[in-house]
N, C-alpha and C. Protein backbone atom coordinates (compact mmCIF):
# COMPACT_ATOMS: atom_id res chain seq x y z
N MET A 1 5.55 15.40 -4.31
CA MET A 1 5.76 14.59 -5.50
C MET A 1 7.18 14.75 -6.02
N PRO A 2 7.61 16.12 -6.39
CA PRO A 2 8.69 16.45 -7.10
C PRO A 2 9.98 15.89 -6.17
N LEU A 3 10.09 16.09 -5.10
CA LEU A 3 10.91 15.62 -4.15
C LEU A 3 11.29 14.00 -4.25
N LEU A 4 10.16 13.33 -4.26
CA LEU A 4 10.29 11.79 -4.49
C LEU A 4 10.82 11.66 -5.90
N LEU A 5 10.40 12.37 -6.91
CA LEU A 5 11.09 12.23 -8.26
C LEU A 5 12.43 12.63 -8.21
N THR A 6 12.90 13.64 -7.63
CA THR A 6 14.22 14.15 -7.62
C THR A 6 15.13 13.14 -6.85
N PHE A 7 14.52 12.66 -5.82
CA PHE A 7 15.48 11.49 -5.07
C PHE A 7 15.55 10.34 -5.87
N SER A 8 14.73 9.82 -6.73
CA SER A 8 14.89 8.70 -7.58
C SER A 8 15.86 9.10 -8.72
N LEU A 9 16.08 10.35 -9.17
CA LEU A 9 16.90 10.76 -10.06
C LEU A 9 18.43 10.47 -9.34
N LEU A 10 18.45 11.05 -8.10
CA LEU A 10 19.76 10.84 -7.35
C LEU A 10 20.14 9.45 -7.33
N VAL A 11 19.34 8.58 -6.98
CA VAL A 11 19.51 7.19 -6.87
C VAL A 11 20.05 6.44 -8.37
N TYR A 12 19.50 7.07 -9.11
CA TYR A 12 19.92 6.58 -10.47
C TYR A 12 21.32 7.03 -10.89
N GLN A 13 21.61 8.17 -10.59
CA GLN A 13 22.93 8.86 -10.63
C GLN A 13 23.94 7.89 -9.94
N PHE A 14 23.58 7.58 -8.76
CA PHE A 14 24.51 6.76 -7.90
C PHE A 14 24.69 5.38 -8.36
N LEU A 15 23.61 4.73 -8.92
CA LEU A 15 23.54 3.32 -9.51
C LEU A 15 24.33 3.54 -10.93
N SER A 16 24.40 4.63 -11.54
CA SER A 16 25.26 4.67 -12.74
C SER A 16 26.68 4.48 -12.64
N LEU A 17 27.28 4.41 -11.41
CA LEU A 17 28.61 4.38 -11.17
C LEU A 17 29.05 3.02 -11.85
N PRO A 18 30.32 2.99 -12.23
CA PRO A 18 30.72 1.60 -13.07
C PRO A 18 30.67 0.40 -12.29
N VAL A 19 30.64 0.37 -10.93
CA VAL A 19 30.45 -0.67 -10.25
C VAL A 19 28.96 -1.54 -10.39
N PHE A 20 28.00 -0.72 -10.93
CA PHE A 20 26.75 -1.06 -11.10
C PHE A 20 26.20 -1.37 -12.49
N GLN A 21 27.23 -1.14 -13.36
CA GLN A 21 26.95 -1.17 -14.79
C GLN A 21 26.16 -2.53 -15.23
N ALA A 22 26.57 -3.74 -14.97
CA ALA A 22 25.95 -4.83 -15.16
C ALA A 22 24.40 -4.92 -14.86
N VAL A 23 24.16 -4.41 -13.81
CA VAL A 23 22.64 -4.44 -13.37
C VAL A 23 21.84 -3.24 -14.06
N LEU A 24 22.53 -2.13 -14.20
CA LEU A 24 21.86 -1.11 -14.91
C LEU A 24 21.45 -1.06 -16.30
N GLN A 25 22.25 -2.09 -17.05
CA GLN A 25 22.22 -2.21 -18.45
C GLN A 25 20.66 -2.75 -18.61
N ARG A 26 20.10 -3.22 -17.66
CA ARG A 26 18.67 -3.86 -17.88
C ARG A 26 17.74 -2.97 -17.41
N VAL A 27 17.86 -1.80 -16.90
CA VAL A 27 16.99 -0.82 -16.39
C VAL A 27 17.33 0.70 -17.03
N SER A 28 16.16 1.09 -17.44
CA SER A 28 16.33 2.56 -18.17
C SER A 28 16.11 3.49 -17.10
N LYS A 29 16.66 4.76 -17.40
CA LYS A 29 16.44 5.81 -16.58
C LYS A 29 15.12 6.27 -16.48
N GLU A 30 14.23 6.08 -17.54
CA GLU A 30 12.87 6.34 -17.24
C GLU A 30 12.23 5.53 -16.40
N ASP A 31 12.50 4.16 -16.29
CA ASP A 31 11.89 3.20 -15.42
C ASP A 31 12.33 3.70 -13.85
N VAL A 32 13.28 4.02 -13.73
CA VAL A 32 13.72 4.55 -12.41
C VAL A 32 13.10 6.03 -12.02
N THR A 33 13.27 6.83 -12.81
CA THR A 33 12.71 8.09 -12.33
C THR A 33 11.08 8.40 -12.39
N THR A 34 10.60 7.46 -13.15
CA THR A 34 8.81 7.31 -13.18
C THR A 34 8.55 6.43 -12.27
N PHE A 35 9.26 5.52 -11.67
CA PHE A 35 8.79 4.23 -10.79
C PHE A 35 8.09 3.33 -11.83
N ASN A 36 8.60 3.15 -12.81
CA ASN A 36 7.91 2.10 -13.88
C ASN A 36 6.73 2.77 -14.54
N GLY A 37 6.56 4.10 -14.46
CA GLY A 37 5.42 4.78 -15.02
C GLY A 37 4.44 5.23 -13.99
N ARG A 38 4.56 4.60 -12.71
CA ARG A 38 3.79 4.86 -11.63
C ARG A 38 3.54 6.35 -11.29
N SER A 39 4.49 7.05 -11.47
CA SER A 39 4.57 8.45 -11.21
C SER A 39 3.39 9.39 -12.13
N TYR A 40 3.25 8.87 -13.31
CA TYR A 40 2.13 9.39 -14.28
C TYR A 40 0.76 8.94 -13.54
N ILE A 41 0.68 7.76 -13.04
CA ILE A 41 -0.52 7.62 -12.42
C ILE A 41 -0.85 8.32 -11.22
N TRP A 42 0.14 8.29 -10.29
CA TRP A 42 0.11 9.04 -8.94
C TRP A 42 -0.10 10.58 -9.40
N ASN A 43 0.35 11.18 -10.16
CA ASN A 43 0.07 12.69 -10.75
C ASN A 43 -1.28 12.75 -11.06
N ALA A 44 -1.86 11.81 -11.87
CA ALA A 44 -3.19 11.89 -12.13
C ALA A 44 -4.29 11.71 -10.86
N VAL A 45 -3.83 10.92 -9.84
CA VAL A 45 -4.62 11.05 -8.82
C VAL A 45 -4.43 12.35 -7.91
N ALA A 46 -3.05 12.84 -7.90
CA ALA A 46 -2.97 14.16 -7.17
C ALA A 46 -3.71 15.24 -7.80
N ASP A 47 -3.72 15.27 -9.18
CA ASP A 47 -4.61 16.36 -10.01
C ASP A 47 -5.94 16.21 -9.60
N TRP A 48 -6.52 15.00 -9.44
CA TRP A 48 -7.91 14.84 -9.15
C TRP A 48 -8.10 15.55 -7.66
N ALA A 49 -7.22 15.15 -6.78
CA ALA A 49 -7.20 15.57 -5.37
C ALA A 49 -7.22 16.97 -5.30
N TRP A 50 -6.41 17.78 -5.84
CA TRP A 50 -6.14 19.29 -5.97
C TRP A 50 -7.26 20.11 -6.71
N ASN A 51 -7.63 19.44 -7.93
CA ASN A 51 -8.50 20.32 -8.90
C ASN A 51 -9.91 19.72 -8.91
N ASP A 52 -10.21 18.45 -9.11
CA ASP A 52 -11.52 18.04 -9.27
C ASP A 52 -12.25 17.67 -7.95
N ARG A 53 -11.75 16.80 -7.30
CA ARG A 53 -12.29 16.38 -6.15
C ARG A 53 -13.81 15.65 -6.08
N THR A 54 -14.15 15.13 -7.11
CA THR A 54 -15.47 14.57 -7.26
C THR A 54 -15.35 13.43 -6.44
N GLY A 55 -16.30 13.21 -5.41
CA GLY A 55 -16.53 12.10 -4.53
C GLY A 55 -15.41 12.06 -3.48
N PHE A 56 -14.76 13.30 -3.21
CA PHE A 56 -13.74 13.37 -2.12
C PHE A 56 -13.88 12.87 -0.78
N LEU A 57 -15.10 13.08 -0.32
CA LEU A 57 -15.43 12.75 1.07
C LEU A 57 -15.80 11.23 1.10
N PHE A 58 -16.82 10.83 0.38
CA PHE A 58 -17.34 9.52 0.35
C PHE A 58 -16.92 8.51 -0.77
N GLY A 59 -16.22 9.10 -1.73
CA GLY A 59 -15.53 8.13 -2.80
C GLY A 59 -16.38 8.06 -4.03
N ASN A 60 -15.81 7.41 -4.97
CA ASN A 60 -16.49 7.24 -6.35
C ASN A 60 -17.04 5.73 -6.52
N GLY A 61 -16.91 5.05 -5.46
CA GLY A 61 -17.17 3.47 -5.67
C GLY A 61 -15.97 2.51 -6.06
N TYR A 62 -16.01 1.34 -5.93
CA TYR A 62 -15.06 0.48 -6.44
C TYR A 62 -14.59 0.72 -7.86
N LYS A 63 -13.33 0.84 -7.88
CA LYS A 63 -12.55 1.18 -9.15
C LYS A 63 -13.07 2.45 -9.61
N GLY A 64 -13.22 3.57 -8.81
CA GLY A 64 -13.85 4.62 -8.99
C GLY A 64 -13.09 5.62 -10.01
N HIS A 65 -11.70 5.20 -10.24
CA HIS A 65 -10.89 6.02 -11.22
C HIS A 65 -11.32 5.68 -12.65
N TYR A 66 -12.04 4.42 -12.91
CA TYR A 66 -12.50 4.36 -14.23
C TYR A 66 -13.68 5.35 -14.60
N LYS A 67 -14.52 5.43 -13.59
CA LYS A 67 -15.83 6.42 -13.73
C LYS A 67 -15.23 7.80 -14.06
N LEU A 68 -14.07 8.21 -13.32
CA LEU A 68 -13.68 9.57 -13.52
C LEU A 68 -12.72 9.65 -14.81
N HIS A 69 -12.43 8.49 -15.41
CA HIS A 69 -11.52 8.62 -16.68
C HIS A 69 -10.01 9.07 -16.34
N MET A 70 -9.73 8.66 -15.05
CA MET A 70 -8.62 9.25 -14.66
C MET A 70 -7.20 8.64 -15.25
N LEU A 71 -7.40 7.39 -15.62
CA LEU A 71 -6.20 6.91 -16.19
C LEU A 71 -6.22 6.67 -17.66
N ASP A 72 -7.03 7.15 -18.39
CA ASP A 72 -7.36 7.14 -19.87
C ASP A 72 -6.01 7.47 -20.66
N PHE A 73 -5.44 8.59 -20.08
CA PHE A 73 -4.16 9.10 -20.83
C PHE A 73 -3.05 8.14 -20.55
N VAL A 74 -2.97 7.38 -19.39
CA VAL A 74 -1.87 6.57 -19.06
C VAL A 74 -1.94 5.23 -20.10
N ALA A 75 -3.33 4.81 -20.28
CA ALA A 75 -3.55 3.71 -21.07
C ALA A 75 -3.00 4.05 -22.51
N LYS A 76 -3.23 5.35 -22.95
CA LYS A 76 -2.75 5.53 -24.27
C LYS A 76 -1.31 5.55 -24.35
N LEU A 77 -0.42 6.05 -23.34
CA LEU A 77 0.90 6.06 -23.09
C LEU A 77 1.43 4.70 -23.26
N TRP A 78 0.79 3.59 -22.80
CA TRP A 78 1.20 2.44 -22.87
C TRP A 78 0.66 1.44 -24.02
N GLY A 79 -0.08 2.08 -24.79
CA GLY A 79 -0.59 1.47 -25.96
C GLY A 79 -1.73 0.52 -25.67
N GLU A 80 -2.38 1.11 -24.53
CA GLU A 80 -3.65 0.15 -24.23
C GLU A 80 -4.89 0.86 -24.96
N ASP A 81 -5.78 0.01 -25.50
CA ASP A 81 -7.17 0.72 -25.92
C ASP A 81 -8.07 1.13 -24.85
N HIS A 82 -8.08 0.53 -23.66
CA HIS A 82 -8.90 0.90 -22.49
C HIS A 82 -8.03 0.99 -21.22
N ALA A 83 -8.58 1.70 -20.26
CA ALA A 83 -7.90 1.69 -18.92
C ALA A 83 -8.70 0.93 -17.99
N TYR A 84 -9.53 -0.20 -18.35
CA TYR A 84 -10.10 -0.96 -17.53
C TYR A 84 -9.17 -2.03 -16.77
N ASN A 85 -7.92 -2.25 -17.21
CA ASN A 85 -7.10 -3.04 -16.55
C ASN A 85 -6.13 -2.36 -15.87
N LEU A 86 -6.18 -1.13 -15.81
CA LEU A 86 -5.13 -0.47 -14.85
C LEU A 86 -5.44 -0.03 -13.35
N HIS A 87 -4.63 0.03 -12.66
CA HIS A 87 -4.96 0.45 -11.19
C HIS A 87 -4.02 1.59 -10.88
N THR A 88 -4.03 2.01 -9.67
CA THR A 88 -3.10 3.13 -9.28
C THR A 88 -1.84 2.92 -8.52
N HIS A 89 -1.62 1.32 -8.51
CA HIS A 89 -0.42 1.07 -7.84
C HIS A 89 -0.19 1.50 -6.49
N SER A 90 -1.06 1.73 -5.80
CA SER A 90 -0.96 2.23 -4.38
C SER A 90 -2.37 2.10 -3.68
N THR A 91 -2.42 1.32 -2.61
CA THR A 91 -3.63 1.08 -1.82
C THR A 91 -4.10 2.29 -1.39
N PHE A 92 -3.31 3.30 -0.85
CA PHE A 92 -3.56 4.59 -0.58
C PHE A 92 -4.58 5.42 -1.61
N THR A 93 -4.00 5.17 -2.73
CA THR A 93 -4.56 6.15 -3.74
C THR A 93 -5.88 5.54 -4.31
N GLU A 94 -5.91 4.10 -4.29
CA GLU A 94 -7.04 3.43 -4.49
C GLU A 94 -8.22 3.59 -3.59
N VAL A 95 -7.85 3.58 -2.28
CA VAL A 95 -8.79 3.90 -1.26
C VAL A 95 -9.35 5.34 -1.38
N ALA A 96 -8.54 6.19 -1.67
CA ALA A 96 -8.76 7.54 -1.58
C ALA A 96 -9.75 8.01 -2.77
N VAL A 97 -9.63 7.29 -3.94
CA VAL A 97 -10.48 7.68 -4.92
C VAL A 97 -11.79 7.05 -4.81
N ALA A 98 -11.70 5.53 -4.43
CA ALA A 98 -12.84 4.74 -4.43
C ALA A 98 -13.97 5.08 -3.27
N GLN A 99 -13.12 5.11 -1.96
CA GLN A 99 -13.96 5.29 -0.77
C GLN A 99 -13.84 6.62 -0.04
N GLY A 100 -13.19 7.47 -0.73
CA GLY A 100 -12.91 8.80 -0.23
C GLY A 100 -12.08 9.00 1.05
N LEU A 101 -12.12 10.21 1.61
CA LEU A 101 -11.56 10.53 2.65
C LEU A 101 -12.00 9.65 4.05
N PHE A 102 -13.49 9.62 4.03
CA PHE A 102 -13.98 8.78 5.11
C PHE A 102 -13.50 7.42 5.18
N GLY A 103 -13.29 6.74 3.83
CA GLY A 103 -12.91 5.34 3.86
C GLY A 103 -11.46 5.29 4.22
N LEU A 104 -10.58 6.19 3.88
CA LEU A 104 -9.21 6.24 3.89
C LEU A 104 -8.94 6.50 5.51
N VAL A 105 -9.71 7.25 6.08
CA VAL A 105 -9.50 7.33 7.72
C VAL A 105 -10.05 6.01 8.37
N LEU A 106 -10.98 5.44 7.94
CA LEU A 106 -11.24 4.14 8.49
C LEU A 106 -10.20 3.04 8.41
N LEU A 107 -9.60 3.00 7.16
CA LEU A 107 -8.57 2.22 6.91
C LEU A 107 -7.23 2.55 7.92
N TYR A 108 -7.13 3.74 7.85
CA TYR A 108 -5.88 4.06 8.70
C TYR A 108 -6.09 3.84 10.21
N LEU A 109 -7.28 3.95 10.58
CA LEU A 109 -7.61 3.46 12.07
C LEU A 109 -7.39 1.96 12.06
N LEU A 110 -7.83 1.21 11.23
CA LEU A 110 -7.61 -0.32 11.41
C LEU A 110 -6.23 -0.60 11.18
N LEU A 111 -5.34 0.11 10.40
CA LEU A 111 -3.94 -0.28 10.47
C LEU A 111 -3.32 0.23 11.77
N TRP A 112 -3.84 1.41 12.28
CA TRP A 112 -3.13 1.86 13.49
C TRP A 112 -3.60 0.93 14.60
N ARG A 113 -4.50 0.29 14.78
CA ARG A 113 -5.15 -0.57 15.74
C ARG A 113 -4.29 -1.73 15.47
N GLY A 114 -3.96 -2.42 14.33
CA GLY A 114 -3.38 -3.68 14.07
C GLY A 114 -1.94 -3.31 14.53
N PHE A 115 -1.23 -2.33 14.14
CA PHE A 115 0.11 -1.89 14.34
C PHE A 115 0.22 -2.00 15.99
N LYS A 116 -0.67 -1.16 16.77
CA LYS A 116 -0.60 -1.17 18.16
C LYS A 116 -0.63 -2.70 18.67
N TRP A 117 -1.50 -3.51 18.33
CA TRP A 117 -1.81 -4.61 18.57
C TRP A 117 -0.52 -5.81 18.33
N TYR A 118 0.00 -5.65 17.22
CA TYR A 118 1.11 -6.43 17.17
C TYR A 118 2.46 -6.06 17.80
N ARG A 119 2.45 -4.77 17.85
CA ARG A 119 3.58 -4.03 18.63
C ARG A 119 3.67 -4.54 20.15
N SER A 120 2.33 -4.48 20.72
CA SER A 120 2.25 -5.08 22.09
C SER A 120 2.45 -6.51 22.25
N GLU A 121 2.12 -7.30 21.29
CA GLU A 121 2.41 -8.71 21.20
C GLU A 121 4.00 -8.86 21.26
N TYR A 122 4.53 -8.00 20.29
CA TYR A 122 6.07 -8.13 20.10
C TYR A 122 6.86 -7.75 21.41
N LEU A 123 6.41 -6.69 22.05
CA LEU A 123 7.00 -6.27 23.28
C LEU A 123 6.86 -7.17 24.45
N ASP A 124 5.73 -7.80 24.56
CA ASP A 124 5.42 -8.86 25.51
C ASP A 124 5.87 -10.24 25.33
N ARG A 125 6.60 -10.20 24.14
CA ARG A 125 7.32 -11.44 23.65
C ARG A 125 6.30 -12.75 23.59
N THR A 126 5.16 -12.52 23.05
CA THR A 126 4.21 -13.71 22.99
C THR A 126 4.49 -14.50 21.77
N ASP A 127 3.63 -15.45 21.66
CA ASP A 127 3.93 -16.40 20.20
C ASP A 127 3.43 -15.60 19.02
N GLN A 128 2.62 -14.56 19.24
CA GLN A 128 2.32 -13.78 18.15
C GLN A 128 3.38 -12.75 17.61
N ALA A 129 4.35 -12.52 18.49
CA ALA A 129 5.36 -11.54 18.33
C ALA A 129 5.87 -11.50 16.66
N PRO A 130 6.15 -12.75 16.18
CA PRO A 130 6.71 -12.71 14.83
C PRO A 130 5.87 -12.06 13.87
N LEU A 131 4.58 -11.98 13.98
CA LEU A 131 3.65 -11.40 13.06
C LEU A 131 3.78 -10.07 13.01
N PHE A 132 4.40 -9.20 13.95
CA PHE A 132 4.74 -7.97 13.98
C PHE A 132 5.49 -7.53 12.57
N ALA A 133 6.56 -8.33 12.39
CA ALA A 133 7.28 -8.02 11.17
C ALA A 133 6.42 -8.17 9.93
N GLY A 134 5.57 -9.15 9.84
CA GLY A 134 4.60 -9.21 8.75
C GLY A 134 3.78 -8.06 8.51
N PHE A 135 3.20 -7.56 9.66
CA PHE A 135 2.26 -6.53 9.67
C PHE A 135 2.98 -5.13 9.14
N VAL A 136 4.30 -4.86 9.69
CA VAL A 136 4.92 -3.71 9.40
C VAL A 136 5.19 -3.78 7.87
N TYR A 137 5.26 -5.00 7.36
CA TYR A 137 5.71 -5.28 5.91
C TYR A 137 4.60 -4.84 5.06
N VAL A 138 3.23 -5.21 5.51
CA VAL A 138 2.10 -4.74 4.89
C VAL A 138 1.78 -3.36 4.72
N LEU A 139 2.18 -2.73 6.00
CA LEU A 139 2.15 -1.24 6.18
C LEU A 139 3.06 -0.58 4.94
N PHE A 140 4.24 -1.17 4.81
CA PHE A 140 5.01 -0.75 3.68
C PHE A 140 4.74 -0.89 2.40
N ILE A 141 4.25 -2.09 2.12
CA ILE A 141 3.86 -2.43 0.54
C ILE A 141 2.56 -1.77 0.30
N TRP A 142 1.70 -1.45 1.18
CA TRP A 142 0.35 -1.04 0.69
C TRP A 142 0.53 0.43 0.25
N GLN A 143 1.78 1.24 0.34
CA GLN A 143 1.91 2.44 -0.12
C GLN A 143 2.27 2.43 -1.51
N ILE A 144 3.05 1.44 -2.08
CA ILE A 144 3.38 1.33 -3.44
C ILE A 144 2.95 0.13 -4.30
N ASP A 145 1.90 -0.46 -3.81
CA ASP A 145 1.18 -1.40 -4.56
C ASP A 145 -0.26 -1.75 -4.01
N ILE A 146 -1.15 -2.42 -4.73
CA ILE A 146 -2.60 -2.62 -4.22
C ILE A 146 -2.61 -3.83 -3.60
N PHE A 147 -1.65 -4.12 -2.72
CA PHE A 147 -1.60 -5.54 -2.05
C PHE A 147 -2.88 -5.60 -0.97
N CYS A 148 -3.22 -4.47 -0.51
CA CYS A 148 -4.32 -4.52 0.48
C CYS A 148 -5.68 -3.98 0.15
N TYR A 149 -5.86 -4.14 -1.26
CA TYR A 149 -7.21 -3.55 -1.71
C TYR A 149 -7.79 -4.57 -2.63
N GLY A 150 -9.18 -4.40 -2.63
CA GLY A 150 -10.02 -5.22 -3.58
C GLY A 150 -9.87 -6.80 -3.41
N VAL A 151 -9.77 -7.50 -4.47
CA VAL A 151 -9.94 -8.96 -4.46
C VAL A 151 -8.63 -9.59 -4.40
N ASP A 152 -7.55 -8.83 -4.41
CA ASP A 152 -6.26 -9.49 -4.28
C ASP A 152 -5.90 -10.19 -3.06
N ILE A 153 -5.03 -11.12 -3.13
CA ILE A 153 -4.70 -11.82 -1.93
C ILE A 153 -4.37 -11.00 -0.61
N GLY A 154 -3.72 -9.90 -1.01
CA GLY A 154 -3.38 -9.01 0.08
C GLY A 154 -4.65 -8.63 1.02
N HIS A 155 -5.78 -8.48 0.44
CA HIS A 155 -6.85 -8.18 1.23
C HIS A 155 -7.19 -9.33 2.39
N ALA A 156 -7.18 -10.52 1.76
CA ALA A 156 -7.49 -11.56 2.66
C ALA A 156 -6.30 -11.65 3.78
N ILE A 157 -5.19 -11.50 3.34
CA ILE A 157 -4.00 -11.38 4.61
C ILE A 157 -4.27 -10.30 5.40
N LEU A 158 -4.37 -8.98 4.89
CA LEU A 158 -4.64 -8.16 5.78
C LEU A 158 -5.70 -8.21 6.79
N PHE A 159 -6.99 -8.83 6.34
CA PHE A 159 -8.03 -8.90 7.36
C PHE A 159 -7.85 -10.28 8.31
N THR A 160 -7.15 -11.11 7.69
CA THR A 160 -6.68 -12.21 8.61
C THR A 160 -5.92 -11.73 9.74
N MET A 161 -4.89 -11.03 9.43
CA MET A 161 -3.94 -10.42 10.46
C MET A 161 -4.65 -9.39 11.35
N LEU A 162 -5.77 -8.78 10.93
CA LEU A 162 -6.53 -7.88 11.75
C LEU A 162 -7.79 -8.68 12.52
N SER A 163 -7.99 -9.78 12.20
CA SER A 163 -8.90 -10.65 12.99
C SER A 163 -8.63 -10.79 14.60
N PRO A 164 -7.45 -10.86 15.07
CA PRO A 164 -7.31 -10.89 16.49
C PRO A 164 -7.97 -9.64 17.19
N LEU A 165 -7.95 -8.62 16.65
CA LEU A 165 -8.51 -7.32 17.16
C LEU A 165 -10.02 -7.37 17.24
N ALA A 166 -10.76 -8.41 16.65
CA ALA A 166 -12.10 -8.50 16.87
C ALA A 166 -12.46 -9.39 17.95
N LEU A 167 -11.50 -10.02 18.66
CA LEU A 167 -11.73 -10.88 19.76
C LEU A 167 -11.43 -10.25 20.97
N ARG A 168 -12.30 -10.73 22.08
CA ARG A 168 -11.97 -10.23 23.48
C ARG A 168 -10.95 -11.34 23.95
N LYS A 169 -9.99 -10.95 24.70
CA LYS A 169 -8.96 -11.82 25.18
C LYS A 169 -9.57 -12.79 26.00
N SER A 170 -10.71 -12.43 26.98
CA SER A 170 -11.26 -13.22 27.70
C SER A 170 -11.92 -14.35 27.06
N ALA A 171 -12.45 -14.25 25.72
CA ALA A 171 -13.28 -15.34 25.03
C ALA A 171 -12.27 -16.28 24.46
N VAL A 172 -10.84 -16.05 24.38
CA VAL A 172 -9.83 -16.98 23.90
C VAL A 172 -9.66 -17.87 25.17
N THR A 173 -9.75 -19.29 24.91
CA THR A 173 -9.49 -20.14 25.92
C THR A 173 -8.07 -20.82 25.95
N ARG A 174 -7.33 -20.73 24.84
CA ARG A 174 -6.08 -21.23 24.97
C ARG A 174 -5.08 -20.39 25.70
N ARG A 175 -4.16 -20.82 26.31
CA ARG A 175 -3.10 -20.16 27.04
C ARG A 175 -2.08 -19.59 26.21
N GLU A 176 -1.63 -18.40 26.57
CA GLU A 176 -0.59 -17.68 25.73
C GLU A 176 0.70 -18.28 26.07
N LYS A 177 1.63 -18.38 24.93
CA LYS A 177 2.83 -18.56 25.17
C LYS A 177 3.91 -17.36 24.88
N THR A 178 5.20 -17.75 25.41
CA THR A 178 6.23 -16.72 24.97
C THR A 178 6.75 -17.34 23.67
N LEU A 179 7.79 -16.53 23.26
CA LEU A 179 8.50 -16.94 22.00
C LEU A 179 9.29 -18.42 22.35
N GLU A 180 9.75 -18.42 23.61
CA GLU A 180 10.48 -19.51 23.94
C GLU A 180 9.56 -20.75 24.20
N GLY A 181 8.25 -20.60 24.17
CA GLY A 181 7.34 -21.77 24.57
C GLY A 181 6.83 -21.75 26.01
N ALA A 182 7.12 -20.98 27.02
CA ALA A 182 6.73 -20.94 28.21
C ALA A 182 5.50 -20.28 28.27
N TRP A 183 4.55 -20.84 29.08
CA TRP A 183 3.35 -20.22 29.38
C TRP A 183 3.28 -18.92 29.88
N LEU A 184 2.64 -18.03 29.42
CA LEU A 184 2.40 -16.69 30.04
C LEU A 184 1.60 -16.55 31.27
N THR A 185 0.59 -17.17 31.35
CA THR A 185 -0.49 -17.03 32.30
C THR A 185 -0.39 -18.42 33.17
């Protein structure tokens, strides 16, 4: 975590050059170095993982960080009365706290299978190949937001993208096409 925060300070120093002044007048140093306060939340999750570990294997249930009062101090920092409307800004940390190590491993297995599926579609140049870029984007964004967790739209997008993995290729009756529109089989 300190390496990530140090890197953000370096980026801020680079962006402080006169060329970027117009843009940086709208952004404070604290926003850049704390990722808009996300580092406070991520540090709270890291403290839980290193020190407390309540529910570490099987989780603390949906929105488990509320049960653990993990984000109460962050709510006070932002002038909120309660932490009920806060989340950890990372699907990884949400799953780790709520479903534990077991749930996190299951999610990683699903994501790995999805990555392999769409990569093979991309390498075979099928009509599903463009979805590889979308799946890689989901793999990126789930690290810094809760796009793929809970009732958010990302949850539906992720599992819709994973749905081809649940089908046997022999059960699909339509013929596959290449990106150029030619039939593969």
